[in-house]
Amino acid sequence: MSDPENVSGELNWWYCLKHSKPERGPGCPNKYRLGPYPDEATATNALHIAEERNEAWDEQDERDF
């Protein structure tokens, strides 16, 4: 069963684009954050994860057209 606090973001990790670092729970407004992520290490790699996803989507777009 999921933890209600985790669902609300209280225990999740986020990557703050404004401060260029991971943060846990409530923090900067969501417009400045990527996530949520399950742990600090994953949040720390948020920009790399986003880059990999963008590249995969670009490759898929090229194949589809």
N, C-alpha and C. Protein backbone atom coordinates (compact mmCIF):
# COMPACT_ATOMS: atom_id res chain seq x y z
N MET A 1 0.84 -1.17 0.00
CA MET A 1 0.00 0.00 0.00
C MET A 1 0.89 1.24 0.00
N SER A 2 0.49 2.29 -0.71
CA SER A 2 1.32 3.49 -0.78
C SER A 2 1.14 4.35 0.46
N ASP A 3 2.17 5.08 0.77
CA ASP A 3 2.18 5.99 1.91
C ASP A 3 1.54 7.31 1.48
N PRO A 4 0.47 7.77 2.16
CA PRO A 4 -0.19 9.01 1.75
C PRO A 4 0.75 10.21 1.75
N GLU A 5 1.72 10.23 2.67
CA GLU A 5 2.65 11.36 2.68
C GLU A 5 3.53 11.33 1.44
N ASN A 6 3.92 10.13 1.01
CA ASN A 6 4.75 10.02 -0.17
C ASN A 6 3.98 10.44 -1.42
N VAL A 7 2.71 10.10 -1.49
CA VAL A 7 1.88 10.48 -2.62
C VAL A 7 1.78 11.99 -2.71
N SER A 8 1.69 12.67 -1.58
CA SER A 8 1.54 14.12 -1.57
C SER A 8 2.87 14.83 -1.82
N GLY A 9 3.97 14.08 -1.87
CA GLY A 9 5.26 14.69 -2.14
C GLY A 9 6.09 14.98 -0.91
N GLU A 10 5.56 14.67 0.27
CA GLU A 10 6.29 14.99 1.49
C GLU A 10 7.61 14.25 1.60
N LEU A 11 7.65 13.01 1.12
CA LEU A 11 8.87 12.21 1.26
C LEU A 11 9.61 12.02 -0.05
N ASN A 12 9.10 12.57 -1.13
CA ASN A 12 9.74 12.41 -2.43
C ASN A 12 10.89 13.39 -2.60
N TRP A 13 11.77 13.03 -3.50
CA TRP A 13 12.89 13.90 -3.86
C TRP A 13 12.58 14.58 -5.19
N TRP A 14 13.06 15.79 -5.33
CA TRP A 14 12.86 16.61 -6.52
C TRP A 14 14.20 17.21 -6.90
N TYR A 15 14.35 17.61 -8.17
CA TYR A 15 15.54 18.35 -8.58
C TYR A 15 15.11 19.78 -8.83
N CYS A 16 15.70 20.72 -8.11
CA CYS A 16 15.36 22.14 -8.23
C CYS A 16 16.21 22.78 -9.32
N LEU A 17 15.54 23.24 -10.37
CA LEU A 17 16.25 23.90 -11.47
C LEU A 17 16.76 25.27 -11.07
N LYS A 18 16.10 25.90 -10.13
CA LYS A 18 16.50 27.24 -9.67
C LYS A 18 17.81 27.19 -8.88
N HIS A 19 17.95 26.16 -8.05
CA HIS A 19 19.12 26.04 -7.18
C HIS A 19 20.12 24.98 -7.63
N SER A 20 19.76 24.26 -8.70
CA SER A 20 20.64 23.21 -9.27
C SER A 20 21.05 22.16 -8.25
N LYS A 21 20.06 21.69 -7.48
CA LYS A 21 20.36 20.65 -6.50
C LYS A 21 19.08 19.91 -6.13
N PRO A 22 19.23 18.68 -5.61
CA PRO A 22 18.05 17.92 -5.18
C PRO A 22 17.49 18.51 -3.89
N GLU A 23 16.17 18.37 -3.71
CA GLU A 23 15.54 18.79 -2.47
C GLU A 23 14.45 17.79 -2.13
N ARG A 24 14.17 17.66 -0.86
CA ARG A 24 13.20 16.66 -0.41
C ARG A 24 11.95 17.34 0.13
N GLY A 25 10.80 16.78 -0.25
CA GLY A 25 9.53 17.30 0.25
C GLY A 25 9.21 18.67 -0.30
N PRO A 26 8.43 19.44 0.44
CA PRO A 26 8.06 20.77 -0.02
C PRO A 26 9.31 21.63 -0.18
N GLY A 27 9.33 22.40 -1.21
CA GLY A 27 10.48 23.25 -1.46
C GLY A 27 10.09 24.34 -2.42
N CYS A 28 10.88 24.53 -3.43
CA CYS A 28 10.58 25.55 -4.43
C CYS A 28 9.29 25.19 -5.17
N PRO A 29 8.67 26.17 -5.81
CA PRO A 29 7.46 25.87 -6.59
C PRO A 29 7.74 24.83 -7.67
N ASN A 30 6.72 24.04 -7.99
CA ASN A 30 6.88 22.96 -8.96
C ASN A 30 7.36 23.44 -10.32
N LYS A 31 7.12 24.69 -10.68
CA LYS A 31 7.58 25.18 -11.98
C LYS A 31 9.10 25.20 -12.06
N TYR A 32 9.79 25.09 -10.93
CA TYR A 32 11.25 25.07 -10.90
C TYR A 32 11.81 23.67 -10.61
N ARG A 33 10.93 22.63 -10.60
CA ARG A 33 11.40 21.32 -10.17
C ARG A 33 11.10 20.24 -11.19
N LEU A 34 11.96 19.22 -11.19
CA LEU A 34 11.75 17.99 -11.94
C LEU A 34 11.51 16.89 -10.92
N GLY A 35 10.62 15.99 -11.24
CA GLY A 35 10.37 14.88 -10.34
C GLY A 35 8.90 14.64 -10.17
N PRO A 36 8.55 13.83 -9.24
CA PRO A 36 9.33 13.37 -8.10
C PRO A 36 10.20 12.15 -8.44
N TYR A 37 11.20 11.95 -7.61
CA TYR A 37 12.11 10.82 -7.71
C TYR A 37 12.11 10.05 -6.40
N PRO A 38 12.41 8.76 -6.44
CA PRO A 38 12.32 7.94 -5.22
C PRO A 38 13.43 8.18 -4.21
N ASP A 39 14.57 8.74 -4.67
CA ASP A 39 15.68 8.93 -3.75
C ASP A 39 16.56 10.09 -4.23
N GLU A 40 17.46 10.50 -3.36
CA GLU A 40 18.32 11.65 -3.65
C GLU A 40 19.24 11.39 -4.84
N ALA A 41 19.78 10.20 -4.95
CA ALA A 41 20.70 9.88 -6.04
C ALA A 41 20.01 10.02 -7.39
N THR A 42 18.78 9.54 -7.49
CA THR A 42 18.04 9.65 -8.75
C THR A 42 17.72 11.12 -9.04
N ALA A 43 17.32 11.87 -8.02
CA ALA A 43 17.03 13.30 -8.21
C ALA A 43 18.29 14.05 -8.65
N THR A 44 19.43 13.66 -8.12
CA THR A 44 20.69 14.30 -8.51
C THR A 44 20.96 14.12 -10.00
N ASN A 45 20.52 12.99 -10.55
CA ASN A 45 20.73 12.69 -11.97
C ASN A 45 19.58 13.14 -12.87
N ALA A 46 18.70 13.98 -12.36
CA ALA A 46 17.49 14.37 -13.09
C ALA A 46 17.79 14.98 -14.46
N LEU A 47 18.78 15.83 -14.56
CA LEU A 47 19.08 16.46 -15.85
C LEU A 47 19.58 15.42 -16.85
N HIS A 48 20.37 14.48 -16.40
CA HIS A 48 20.85 13.41 -17.28
C HIS A 48 19.69 12.51 -17.72
N ILE A 49 18.79 12.20 -16.80
CA ILE A 49 17.62 11.40 -17.12
C ILE A 49 16.77 12.12 -18.16
N ALA A 50 16.55 13.41 -17.97
CA ALA A 50 15.75 14.19 -18.92
C ALA A 50 16.42 14.22 -20.29
N GLU A 51 17.74 14.38 -20.31
CA GLU A 51 18.47 14.40 -21.58
C GLU A 51 18.32 13.06 -22.31
N GLU A 52 18.46 11.96 -21.59
CA GLU A 52 18.31 10.64 -22.21
C GLU A 52 16.90 10.44 -22.77
N ARG A 53 15.90 10.87 -22.02
CA ARG A 53 14.51 10.74 -22.49
C ARG A 53 14.27 11.59 -23.73
N ASN A 54 14.79 12.80 -23.73
CA ASN A 54 14.63 13.68 -24.90
C ASN A 54 15.27 13.07 -26.13
N GLU A 55 16.47 12.51 -25.98
CA GLU A 55 17.15 11.88 -27.11
C GLU A 55 16.34 10.69 -27.62
N ALA A 56 15.79 9.90 -26.71
CA ALA A 56 15.00 8.74 -27.12
C ALA A 56 13.74 9.19 -27.86
N TRP A 57 13.10 10.24 -27.38
CA TRP A 57 11.90 10.75 -28.05
C TRP A 57 12.25 11.32 -29.43
N ASP A 58 13.39 12.02 -29.53
CA ASP A 58 13.82 12.55 -30.83
C ASP A 58 14.06 11.41 -31.82
N GLU A 59 14.72 10.35 -31.37
CA GLU A 59 14.97 9.20 -32.24
C GLU A 59 13.66 8.55 -32.67
N GLN A 60 12.72 8.45 -31.75
CA GLN A 60 11.43 7.87 -32.08
C GLN A 60 10.69 8.75 -33.10
N ASP A 61 10.75 10.05 -32.92
CA ASP A 61 10.13 10.97 -33.87
C ASP A 61 10.71 10.80 -35.27
N GLU A 62 12.03 10.64 -35.33
CA GLU A 62 12.69 10.47 -36.64
C GLU A 62 12.24 9.18 -37.31
N ARG A 63 12.05 8.11 -36.53
CA ARG A 63 11.59 6.84 -37.08
C ARG A 63 10.13 6.92 -37.52
N ASP A 64 9.33 7.69 -36.81
CA ASP A 64 7.90 7.76 -37.11
C ASP A 64 7.58 8.63 -38.32
N PHE A 65 8.50 9.46 -38.74
CA PHE A 65 8.20 10.36 -39.88
C PHE A 65 9.04 10.09 -41.05
